[in-house]
Amino acid sequence: MALIRNLLFPPQVLLLDEVTTGLDEASKGIVHQLIDSVKKDGVTIVQVTHDAQELEEAGRIIHIVEGRVEE
C-alpha cells in the first residue's frame, strides 16, 4: 500500500527495502513497472536488496560490506 500511496503523491526520494522479497516473478514484474514509472517522474530511488538482478537499471550502486560503504 505504501508504494501505491507514493504513486498517488510522489515524494522526491523513495526508500525501498527488499520490496520484492517473497514475491513471485509476475508480481516482481508489476513492482518493477511501478518503480520505473516513479523513476520517469524524476523521483530518486534508494533501494536495499540482496538480489543483484534488482539493480540492473540502477544509476549508482553502493555496496555495504561489514558495515562499511564500498562503491
PDB file of N, CA and C in Angstrom:
ATOM      1  N   MET A   1       0.814  -1.191   0.000  1.00  0.00           N
ATOM      2  CA  MET A   1       0.000   0.000   0.000  1.00  0.00           C
ATOM      3  C   MET A   1       0.862   1.262   0.000  1.00  0.00           C
ATOM      4  N   ALA A   2       2.003   1.198   0.663  1.00  0.00           N
ATOM      5  CA  ALA A   2       2.873   2.383   0.718  1.00  0.00           C
ATOM      6  C   ALA A   2       3.352   2.752  -0.674  1.00  0.00           C
ATOM      7  N   LEU A   3       3.665   1.737  -1.496  1.00  0.00           N
ATOM      8  CA  LEU A   3       4.124   2.009  -2.859  1.00  0.00           C
ATOM      9  C   LEU A   3       3.016   2.677  -3.663  1.00  0.00           C
ATOM     10  N   ILE A   4       1.797   2.210  -3.522  1.00  0.00           N
ATOM     11  CA  ILE A   4       0.662   2.805  -4.239  1.00  0.00           C
ATOM     12  C   ILE A   4       0.426   4.243  -3.764  1.00  0.00           C
ATOM     13  N   ARG A   5       0.513   4.482  -2.459  1.00  0.00           N
ATOM     14  CA  ARG A   5       0.345   5.834  -1.920  1.00  0.00           C
ATOM     15  C   ARG A   5       1.393   6.773  -2.508  1.00  0.00           C
ATOM     16  N   ASN A   6       2.614   6.271  -2.647  1.00  0.00           N
ATOM     17  CA  ASN A   6       3.680   7.100  -3.208  1.00  0.00           C
ATOM     18  C   ASN A   6       3.476   7.375  -4.689  1.00  0.00           C
ATOM     19  N   LEU A   7       2.764   6.495  -5.371  1.00  0.00           N
ATOM     20  CA  LEU A   7       2.443   6.761  -6.776  1.00  0.00           C
ATOM     21  C   LEU A   7       1.414   7.883  -6.883  1.00  0.00           C
ATOM     22  N   LEU A   8       0.502   7.947  -5.935  1.00  0.00           N
ATOM     23  CA  LEU A   8      -0.525   8.987  -5.955  1.00  0.00           C
ATOM     24  C   LEU A   8       0.020  10.340  -5.515  1.00  0.00           C
ATOM     25  N   PHE A   9       0.937  10.338  -4.557  1.00  0.00           N
ATOM     26  CA  PHE A   9       1.544  11.557  -4.028  1.00  0.00           C
ATOM     27  C   PHE A   9       3.057  11.383  -4.054  1.00  0.00           C
ATOM     28  N   PRO A  10       3.668  11.503  -5.233  1.00  0.00           N
ATOM     29  CA  PRO A  10       5.088  11.169  -5.372  1.00  0.00           C
ATOM     30  C   PRO A  10       6.012  12.024  -4.509  1.00  0.00           C
ATOM     31  N   PRO A  11       6.903  11.357  -3.788  1.00  0.00           N
ATOM     32  CA  PRO A  11       7.898  12.068  -2.985  1.00  0.00           C
ATOM     33  C   PRO A  11       9.101  12.438  -3.848  1.00  0.00           C
ATOM     34  N   GLN A  12      10.044  13.171  -3.292  1.00  0.00           N
ATOM     35  CA  GLN A  12      11.288  13.455  -4.012  1.00  0.00           C
ATOM     36  C   GLN A  12      12.230  12.268  -3.938  1.00  0.00           C
ATOM     37  N   VAL A  13      12.174  11.540  -2.820  1.00  0.00           N
ATOM     38  CA  VAL A  13      13.013  10.360  -2.614  1.00  0.00           C
ATOM     39  C   VAL A  13      12.124   9.222  -2.135  1.00  0.00           C
ATOM     40  N   LEU A  14      12.302   8.050  -2.733  1.00  0.00           N
ATOM     41  CA  LEU A  14      11.541   6.865  -2.348  1.00  0.00           C
ATOM     42  C   LEU A  14      12.520   5.823  -1.824  1.00  0.00           C
ATOM     43  N   LEU A  15      12.330   5.388  -0.571  1.00  0.00           N
ATOM     44  CA  LEU A  15      13.185   4.381   0.042  1.00  0.00           C
ATOM     45  C   LEU A  15      12.496   3.023  -0.049  1.00  0.00           C
ATOM     46  N   LEU A  16      13.179   2.050  -0.654  1.00  0.00           N
ATOM     47  CA  LEU A  16      12.618   0.709  -0.819  1.00  0.00           C
ATOM     48  C   LEU A  16      13.550  -0.300  -0.159  1.00  0.00           C
ATOM     49  N   ASP A  17      13.037  -1.073   0.780  1.00  0.00           N
ATOM     50  CA  ASP A  17      13.833  -2.060   1.500  1.00  0.00           C
ATOM     51  C   ASP A  17      13.306  -3.454   1.187  1.00  0.00           C
ATOM     52  N   GLU A  18      14.065  -4.191   0.367  1.00  0.00           N
ATOM     53  CA  GLU A  18      13.698  -5.563  -0.007  1.00  0.00           C
ATOM     54  C   GLU A  18      12.244  -5.624  -0.493  1.00  0.00           C
ATOM     55  N   VAL A  19      11.893  -4.716  -1.379  1.00  0.00           N
ATOM     56  CA  VAL A  19      10.498  -4.534  -1.797  1.00  0.00           C
ATOM     57  C   VAL A  19       9.917  -5.746  -2.537  1.00  0.00           C
ATOM     58  N   THR A  20      10.751  -6.579  -3.167  1.00  0.00           N
ATOM     59  CA  THR A  20      10.218  -7.723  -3.908  1.00  0.00           C
ATOM     60  C   THR A  20      10.476  -9.061  -3.223  1.00  0.00           C
ATOM     61  N   THR A  21      11.020  -9.039  -2.023  1.00  0.00           N
ATOM     62  CA  THR A  21      11.287 -10.282  -1.302  1.00  0.00           C
ATOM     63  C   THR A  21       9.991 -11.055  -1.080  1.00  0.00           C
ATOM     64  N   GLY A  22      10.003 -12.323  -1.462  1.00  0.00           N
ATOM     65  CA  GLY A  22       8.845 -13.183  -1.261  1.00  0.00           C
ATOM     66  C   GLY A  22       7.792 -13.102  -2.353  1.00  0.00           C
ATOM     67  N   LEU A  23       8.015 -12.277  -3.376  1.00  0.00           N
ATOM     68  CA  LEU A  23       7.039 -12.158  -4.463  1.00  0.00           C
ATOM     69  C   LEU A  23       7.366 -13.134  -5.590  1.00  0.00           C
ATOM     70  N   ASP A  24       6.324 -13.596  -6.288  1.00  0.00           N
ATOM     71  CA  ASP A  24       6.562 -14.422  -7.469  1.00  0.00           C
ATOM     72  C   ASP A  24       7.024 -13.527  -8.617  1.00  0.00           C
ATOM     73  N   GLU A  25       7.466 -14.141  -9.709  1.00  0.00           N
ATOM     74  CA  GLU A  25       8.039 -13.378 -10.825  1.00  0.00           C
ATOM     75  C   GLU A  25       7.044 -12.389 -11.429  1.00  0.00           C
ATOM     76  N   ALA A  26       5.780 -12.783 -11.539  1.00  0.00           N
ATOM     77  CA  ALA A  26       4.767 -11.883 -12.112  1.00  0.00           C
ATOM     78  C   ALA A  26       4.588 -10.645 -11.226  1.00  0.00           C
ATOM     79  N   SER A  27       4.527 -10.860  -9.931  1.00  0.00           N
ATOM     80  CA  SER A  27       4.370  -9.734  -9.004  1.00  0.00           C
ATOM     81  C   SER A  27       5.603  -8.845  -8.999  1.00  0.00           C
ATOM     82  N   LYS A  28       6.789  -9.451  -9.093  1.00  0.00           N
ATOM     83  CA  LYS A  28       8.022  -8.668  -9.183  1.00  0.00           C
ATOM     84  C   LYS A  28       7.986  -7.774 -10.421  1.00  0.00           C
ATOM     85  N   GLY A  29       7.489  -8.314 -11.526  1.00  0.00           N
ATOM     86  CA  GLY A  29       7.386  -7.531 -12.755  1.00  0.00           C
ATOM     87  C   GLY A  29       6.493  -6.312 -12.578  1.00  0.00           C
ATOM     88  N   ILE A  30       5.396  -6.489 -11.878  1.00  0.00           N
ATOM     89  CA  ILE A  30       4.482  -5.371 -11.618  1.00  0.00           C
ATOM     90  C   ILE A  30       5.173  -4.315 -10.762  1.00  0.00           C
ATOM     91  N   VAL A  31       5.882  -4.742  -9.732  1.00  0.00           N
ATOM     92  CA  VAL A  31       6.600  -3.799  -8.868  1.00  0.00           C
ATOM     93  C   VAL A  31       7.647  -3.051  -9.674  1.00  0.00           C
ATOM     94  N   HIS A  32       8.380  -3.757 -10.540  1.00  0.00           N
ATOM     95  CA  HIS A  32       9.403  -3.105 -11.363  1.00  0.00           C
ATOM     96  C   HIS A  32       8.782  -2.060 -12.289  1.00  0.00           C
ATOM     97  N   GLN A  33       7.609  -2.354 -12.841  1.00  0.00           N
ATOM     98  CA  GLN A  33       6.924  -1.378 -13.690  1.00  0.00           C
ATOM     99  C   GLN A  33       6.547  -0.137 -12.884  1.00  0.00           C
ATOM    100  N   LEU A  34       6.074  -0.339 -11.669  1.00  0.00           N
ATOM    101  CA  LEU A  34       5.721   0.794 -10.808  1.00  0.00           C
ATOM    102  C   LEU A  34       6.953   1.630 -10.467  1.00  0.00           C
ATOM    103  N   ILE A  35       8.061   0.957 -10.177  1.00  0.00           N
ATOM    104  CA  ILE A  35       9.305   1.667  -9.867  1.00  0.00           C
ATOM    105  C   ILE A  35       9.769   2.467 -11.080  1.00  0.00           C
ATOM    106  N   ASP A  36       9.722   1.855 -12.265  1.00  0.00           N
ATOM    107  CA  ASP A  36      10.116   2.562 -13.490  1.00  0.00           C
ATOM    108  C   ASP A  36       9.247   3.793 -13.713  1.00  0.00           C
ATOM    109  N   SER A  37       7.962   3.672 -13.434  1.00  0.00           N
ATOM    110  CA  SER A  37       7.038   4.794 -13.597  1.00  0.00           C
ATOM    111  C   SER A  37       7.416   5.950 -12.673  1.00  0.00           C
ATOM    112  N   VAL A  38       7.734   5.633 -11.440  1.00  0.00           N
ATOM    113  CA  VAL A  38       8.129   6.656 -10.467  1.00  0.00           C
ATOM    114  C   VAL A  38       9.448   7.296 -10.884  1.00  0.00           C
ATOM    115  N   LYS A  39      10.383   6.470 -11.360  1.00  0.00           N
ATOM    116  CA  LYS A  39      11.687   6.977 -11.795  1.00  0.00           C
ATOM    117  C   LYS A  39      11.539   7.977 -12.935  1.00  0.00           C
ATOM    118  N   LYS A  40      10.640   7.693 -13.859  1.00  0.00           N
ATOM    119  CA  LYS A  40      10.418   8.587 -15.004  1.00  0.00           C
ATOM    120  C   LYS A  40       9.876   9.943 -14.566  1.00  0.00           C
ATOM    121  N   ASP A  41       9.263   9.985 -13.391  1.00  0.00           N
ATOM    122  CA  ASP A  41       8.748  11.249 -12.848  1.00  0.00           C
ATOM    123  C   ASP A  41       9.824  12.038 -12.117  1.00  0.00           C
ATOM    124  N   GLY A  42      11.061  11.522 -12.134  1.00  0.00           N
ATOM    125  CA  GLY A  42      12.178  12.246 -11.528  1.00  0.00           C
ATOM    126  C   GLY A  42      12.400  11.974 -10.051  1.00  0.00           C
ATOM    127  N   VAL A  43      11.760  10.950  -9.531  1.00  0.00           N
ATOM    128  CA  VAL A  43      11.921  10.600  -8.119  1.00  0.00           C
ATOM    129  C   VAL A  43      13.236   9.839  -7.937  1.00  0.00           C
ATOM    130  N   THR A  44      14.009  10.221  -6.933  1.00  0.00           N
ATOM    131  CA  THR A  44      15.223   9.492  -6.586  1.00  0.00           C
ATOM    132  C   THR A  44      14.820   8.260  -5.794  1.00  0.00           C
ATOM    133  N   ILE A  45      15.366   7.101  -6.181  1.00  0.00           N
ATOM    134  CA  ILE A  45      15.022   5.849  -5.509  1.00  0.00           C
ATOM    135  C   ILE A  45      16.262   5.290  -4.826  1.00  0.00           C
ATOM    136  N   VAL A  46      16.122   5.011  -3.541  1.00  0.00           N
ATOM    137  CA  VAL A  46      17.166   4.330  -2.780  1.00  0.00           C
ATOM    138  C   VAL A  46      16.603   2.954  -2.458  1.00  0.00           C
ATOM    139  N   GLN A  47      17.255   1.916  -3.000  1.00  0.00           N
ATOM    140  CA  GLN A  47      16.726   0.565  -2.860  1.00  0.00           C
ATOM    141  C   GLN A  47      17.737  -0.338  -2.168  1.00  0.00           C
ATOM    142  N   VAL A  48      17.265  -1.046  -1.156  1.00  0.00           N
ATOM    143  CA  VAL A  48      18.073  -2.039  -0.457  1.00  0.00           C
ATOM    144  C   VAL A  48      17.642  -3.405  -0.965  1.00  0.00           C
ATOM    145  N   THR A  49      18.622  -4.221  -1.397  1.00  0.00           N
ATOM    146  CA  THR A  49      18.292  -5.550  -1.890  1.00  0.00           C
ATOM    147  C   THR A  49      19.498  -6.467  -1.790  1.00  0.00           C
ATOM    148  N   HIS A  50      19.217  -7.754  -1.708  1.00  0.00           N
ATOM    149  CA  HIS A  50      20.265  -8.771  -1.783  1.00  0.00           C
ATOM    150  C   HIS A  50      20.262  -9.413  -3.169  1.00  0.00           C
ATOM    151  N   ASP A  51      19.338  -9.026  -4.027  1.00  0.00           N
ATOM    152  CA  ASP A  51      19.173  -9.595  -5.364  1.00  0.00           C
ATOM    153  C   ASP A  51      19.839  -8.688  -6.393  1.00  0.00           C
ATOM    154  N   ALA A  52      20.987  -9.121  -6.922  1.00  0.00           N
ATOM    155  CA  ALA A  52      21.738  -8.306  -7.883  1.00  0.00           C
ATOM    156  C   ALA A  52      20.913  -7.986  -9.122  1.00  0.00           C
ATOM    157  N   GLN A  53      20.009  -8.862  -9.499  1.00  0.00           N
ATOM    158  CA  GLN A  53      19.162  -8.632 -10.674  1.00  0.00           C
ATOM    159  C   GLN A  53      18.275  -7.392 -10.480  1.00  0.00           C
ATOM    160  N   GLU A  54      17.937  -7.080  -9.246  1.00  0.00           N
ATOM    161  CA  GLU A  54      17.120  -5.905  -8.940  1.00  0.00           C
ATOM    162  C   GLU A  54      17.826  -4.606  -9.319  1.00  0.00           C
ATOM    163  N   LEU A  55      19.140  -4.648  -9.416  1.00  0.00           N
ATOM    164  CA  LEU A  55      19.928  -3.431  -9.604  1.00  0.00           C
ATOM    165  C   LEU A  55      20.344  -3.186 -11.050  1.00  0.00           C
ATOM    166  N   GLU A  56      19.836  -3.973 -11.985  1.00  0.00           N
ATOM    167  CA  GLU A  56      20.265  -3.874 -13.378  1.00  0.00           C
ATOM    168  C   GLU A  56      20.107  -2.480 -13.967  1.00  0.00           C
ATOM    169  N   GLU A  57      19.093  -1.762 -13.565  1.00  0.00           N
ATOM    170  CA  GLU A  57      18.854  -0.442 -14.145  1.00  0.00           C
ATOM    171  C   GLU A  57      19.222   0.695 -13.192  1.00  0.00           C
ATOM    172  N   ALA A  58      19.991   0.377 -12.171  1.00  0.00           N
ATOM    173  CA  ALA A  58      20.384   1.401 -11.196  1.00  0.00           C
ATOM    174  C   ALA A  58      21.387   2.364 -11.804  1.00  0.00           C
ATOM    175  N   GLY A  59      21.250   3.627 -11.471  1.00  0.00           N
ATOM    176  CA  GLY A  59      22.204   4.632 -11.934  1.00  0.00           C
ATOM    177  C   GLY A  59      23.483   4.607 -11.123  1.00  0.00           C
ATOM    178  N   ARG A  60      23.368   4.178  -9.890  1.00  0.00           N
ATOM    179  CA  ARG A  60      24.530   4.121  -8.994  1.00  0.00           C
ATOM    180  C   ARG A  60      24.289   3.008  -7.982  1.00  0.00           C
ATOM    181  N   ILE A  61      25.322   2.226  -7.730  1.00  0.00           N
ATOM    182  CA  ILE A  61      25.217   1.124  -6.777  1.00  0.00           C
ATOM    183  C   ILE A  61      26.254   1.334  -5.681  1.00  0.00           C
ATOM    184  N   ILE A  62      25.809   1.235  -4.454  1.00  0.00           N
ATOM    185  CA  ILE A  62      26.707   1.327  -3.303  1.00  0.00           C
ATOM    186  C   ILE A  62      26.568   0.030  -2.518  1.00  0.00           C
ATOM    187  N   HIS A  63      27.682  -0.651  -2.319  1.00  0.00           N
ATOM    188  CA  HIS A  63      27.694  -1.891  -1.540  1.00  0.00           C
ATOM    189  C   HIS A  63      28.095  -1.573  -0.108  1.00  0.00           C
ATOM    190  N   ILE A  64      27.426  -2.201   0.831  1.00  0.00           N
ATOM    191  CA  ILE A  64      27.810  -2.081   2.233  1.00  0.00           C
ATOM    192  C   ILE A  64      28.272  -3.464   2.679  1.00  0.00           C
ATOM    193  N   VAL A  65      29.536  -3.546   3.035  1.00  0.00           N
ATOM    194  CA  VAL A  65      30.136  -4.810   3.446  1.00  0.00           C
ATOM    195  C   VAL A  65      30.656  -4.655   4.870  1.00  0.00           C
ATOM    196  N   GLU A  66      30.142  -5.499   5.754  1.00  0.00           N
ATOM    197  CA  GLU A  66      30.536  -5.461   7.164  1.00  0.00           C
ATOM    198  C   GLU A  66      30.444  -4.044   7.742  1.00  0.00           C
ATOM    199  N   GLY A  67      29.362  -3.339   7.378  1.00  0.00           N
ATOM    200  CA  GLY A  67      29.116  -2.009   7.914  1.00  0.00           C
ATOM    201  C   GLY A  67      29.887  -0.885   7.258  1.00  0.00           C
ATOM    202  N   ARG A  68      30.654  -1.201   6.215  1.00  0.00           N
ATOM    203  CA  ARG A  68      31.436  -0.171   5.525  1.00  0.00           C
ATOM    204  C   ARG A  68      30.929  -0.004   4.101  1.00  0.00           C
ATOM    205  N   VAL A  69      30.911   1.251   3.643  1.00  0.00           N
ATOM    206  CA  VAL A  69      30.456   1.562   2.290  1.00  0.00           C
ATOM    207  C   VAL A  69      31.568   1.283   1.294  1.00  0.00           C
ATOM    208  N   GLU A  70      31.224   0.514   0.240  1.00  0.00           N
ATOM    209  CA  GLU A  70      32.142   0.248  -0.865  1.00  0.00           C
ATOM    210  C   GLU A  70      31.411   0.597  -2.155  1.00  0.00           C
ATOM    211  N   GLU A  71      31.952   1.528  -2.935  1.00  0.00           N
ATOM    212  CA  GLU A  71      31.287   1.906  -4.190  1.00  0.00           C
ATOM    213  C   GLU A  71      31.863   1.135  -5.350  1.00  0.00           C
TER     214      GLU A  71
END
